[in-house]
Amino acid sequence: MKSTRMKGRKFGAGDAEVMMDINTTPLIDVMLVLLVMLIITIPIQLHAVNLEMPVGTPPQNNIQPEKVQIDIDEKSVVYWQGLPVSADELAQKMDLVSTMNPQPEVHIRPNKDCSYAVFANVLSSTKRKGLNKVAVIGHEQFVQ
């Protein structure tokens, strides 16, 4: 018998390089199949929202809430219903208003040149006092 050994050949000299990366294609295929199965098995009833809507007409609300106007001018002076007030007087008036039933609407109208710190203080005071119906009026003056 003849020997088929090659002399001088190193191991793996003519072989292709070994692939070191993981093949992710089968993993992606499995994930897509699982995703499609999940989508198909979700019942259609879960997409509906069942609400019990009231029937009839709502009762008339004849009580109109009082409106409290707080203005802040360009010099950062705070006005309550047109009269200038200090920070202590503002807090006292907010205490009185917060206990009223129904609670009045508070309309804050700052001037575009007033100090932001004063406006933020008035706004945070309404939150601290428990006034929930607060509106900022005159915001169109801030649009350029």
Protein backbone atom coordinates (compact mmCIF):
# COMPACT_ATOMS: atom_id res chain seq x y z
CA MET A 1 0.00 0.00 0.00
CA LYS A 2 0.93 3.40 -0.83
CA SER A 3 1.05 6.00 1.84
CA THR A 4 -0.98 9.13 1.13
CA ARG A 5 0.77 11.15 3.70
CA MET A 6 2.01 14.47 2.56
CA LYS A 7 5.29 15.51 3.86
CA GLY A 8 5.84 19.07 4.97
CA ARG A 9 2.16 19.93 5.25
CA LYS A 10 1.08 21.63 8.45
CA PHE A 11 -2.22 20.83 10.07
CA GLY A 12 -5.02 22.96 8.61
CA ALA A 13 -2.81 24.74 6.13
CA GLY A 14 -5.37 24.64 3.30
CA ASP A 15 -8.54 24.63 5.41
CA ALA A 16 -10.91 27.56 5.65
CA GLU A 17 -10.89 29.55 8.89
CA VAL A 18 -13.14 28.41 11.70
CA MET A 19 -16.22 30.62 12.12
CA MET A 20 -16.14 32.12 15.62
CA ASP A 21 -19.47 34.09 15.45
CA ILE A 22 -22.75 32.67 16.65
CA ASN A 23 -25.41 32.25 13.99
CA THR A 24 -28.34 34.40 15.16
CA THR A 25 -30.67 33.67 12.25
CA PRO A 26 -32.34 30.64 13.91
CA LEU A 27 -32.77 32.64 17.12
CA ILE A 28 -34.48 35.47 15.25
CA ASP A 29 -36.74 32.98 13.44
CA VAL A 30 -37.81 31.40 16.72
CA MET A 31 -38.53 34.79 18.27
CA LEU A 32 -40.65 35.85 15.27
CA VAL A 33 -42.65 32.61 15.44
CA LEU A 34 -43.26 33.14 19.16
CA LEU A 35 -44.32 36.74 18.55
CA VAL A 36 -46.80 35.72 15.84
CA MET A 37 -48.21 32.99 18.09
CA LEU A 38 -48.65 35.49 20.92
CA ILE A 39 -50.45 37.97 18.68
CA ILE A 40 -52.78 35.30 17.31
CA THR A 41 -53.67 33.86 20.71
CA ILE A 42 -54.68 37.19 22.32
CA PRO A 43 -58.48 37.18 22.45
CA ILE A 44 -60.25 39.97 20.65
CA GLN A 45 -62.37 40.65 23.73
CA LEU A 46 -59.38 42.10 25.53
CA HIS A 47 -59.30 44.99 23.06
CA ALA A 48 -62.78 46.18 24.06
CA VAL A 49 -63.34 48.59 26.91
CA ASN A 50 -66.65 48.07 28.67
CA LEU A 51 -68.05 51.30 30.09
CA GLU A 52 -71.32 51.84 31.84
CA MET A 53 -72.43 55.22 30.56
CA PRO A 54 -75.00 57.19 32.54
CA VAL A 55 -78.45 57.48 31.05
CA GLY A 56 -80.75 60.46 31.21
CA THR A 57 -79.95 64.11 31.55
CA PRO A 58 -77.58 65.43 34.19
CA PRO A 59 -79.03 67.68 36.89
CA GLN A 60 -78.82 71.41 36.33
CA ASN A 61 -76.15 73.23 38.30
CA ASN A 62 -77.60 76.63 39.05
CA ILE A 63 -74.81 77.62 41.41
CA GLN A 64 -72.13 79.49 39.51
CA PRO A 65 -68.75 79.52 41.29
CA GLU A 66 -67.35 82.85 42.33
CA LYS A 67 -64.33 84.13 40.41
CA VAL A 68 -61.33 85.57 42.20
CA GLN A 69 -59.03 87.74 40.08
CA ILE A 70 -55.35 87.96 41.03
CA ASP A 71 -53.36 90.41 38.91
CA ILE A 72 -49.60 90.95 38.88
CA ASP A 73 -48.45 94.17 37.24
CA GLU A 74 -45.14 95.00 35.55
CA LYS A 75 -43.65 96.12 38.89
CA SER A 76 -44.55 92.70 40.42
CA VAL A 77 -47.25 94.15 42.67
CA VAL A 78 -49.98 91.60 43.42
CA TYR A 79 -53.62 92.70 43.26
CA TRP A 80 -56.57 90.79 44.77
CA GLN A 81 -59.82 91.72 43.01
CA GLY A 82 -58.20 95.00 41.90
CA LEU A 83 -56.74 96.00 45.29
CA PRO A 84 -53.00 95.72 46.02
CA VAL A 85 -52.13 93.18 48.72
CA SER A 86 -48.99 92.07 50.52
CA ALA A 87 -47.83 88.45 50.68
CA ASP A 88 -49.38 87.99 54.16
CA GLU A 89 -52.71 89.46 53.09
CA LEU A 90 -52.70 87.25 50.00
CA ALA A 91 -52.16 84.15 52.14
CA GLN A 92 -55.00 85.16 54.50
CA LYS A 93 -57.40 85.76 51.62
CA MET A 94 -56.45 82.42 50.05
CA ASP A 95 -57.14 80.70 53.39
CA LEU A 96 -60.62 82.22 53.46
CA VAL A 97 -61.33 81.30 49.84
CA SER A 98 -60.12 77.72 50.25
CA THR A 99 -62.73 77.04 52.96
CA MET A 100 -65.65 78.23 50.78
CA ASN A 101 -68.06 75.69 49.32
CA PRO A 102 -68.16 75.57 46.32
CA GLN A 103 -64.60 76.62 45.88
CA PRO A 104 -64.24 79.73 43.67
CA GLU A 105 -62.24 79.85 40.48
CA VAL A 106 -58.92 81.66 40.84
CA HIS A 107 -57.81 83.57 37.75
CA ILE A 108 -54.19 84.69 37.80
CA ARG A 109 -53.30 87.35 35.22
CA PRO A 110 -49.58 88.17 35.21
CA ASN A 111 -48.06 90.96 33.16
CA LYS A 112 -45.38 89.80 30.75
CA ASP A 113 -42.84 92.11 32.43
CA CYS A 114 -43.48 90.94 36.02
CA SER A 115 -40.98 88.91 38.00
CA TYR A 116 -41.32 85.17 37.45
CA ALA A 117 -40.50 84.57 41.12
CA VAL A 118 -43.57 86.54 42.20
CA PHE A 119 -45.81 84.67 39.74
CA ALA A 120 -44.38 81.30 40.83
CA ASN A 121 -44.92 82.24 44.49
CA VAL A 122 -48.58 83.12 43.86
CA LEU A 123 -49.11 79.92 41.88
CA SER A 124 -47.47 77.74 44.53
CA SER A 125 -49.49 79.49 47.25
CA THR A 126 -52.71 78.42 45.52
CA LYS A 127 -51.44 74.84 45.52
CA ARG A 128 -50.43 74.96 49.20
CA LYS A 129 -53.80 76.41 50.23
CA GLY A 130 -55.68 73.64 48.40
CA LEU A 131 -57.20 75.76 45.65
CA ASN A 132 -57.87 73.40 42.75
CA LYS A 133 -59.64 75.63 40.22
CA VAL A 134 -56.77 77.82 39.07
CA ALA A 135 -56.36 79.38 35.62
CA VAL A 136 -53.65 81.58 34.12
CA ILE A 137 -55.34 84.29 32.08
CA GLY A 138 -53.79 86.43 29.36
CA HIS A 139 -51.17 83.99 28.09
CA GLU A 140 -51.50 85.38 24.53
CA GLN A 141 -49.32 88.33 25.52
CA PHE A 142 -46.34 85.95 25.82
CA VAL A 143 -46.59 84.78 22.20
CA GLN A 144 -44.13 86.64 20.00
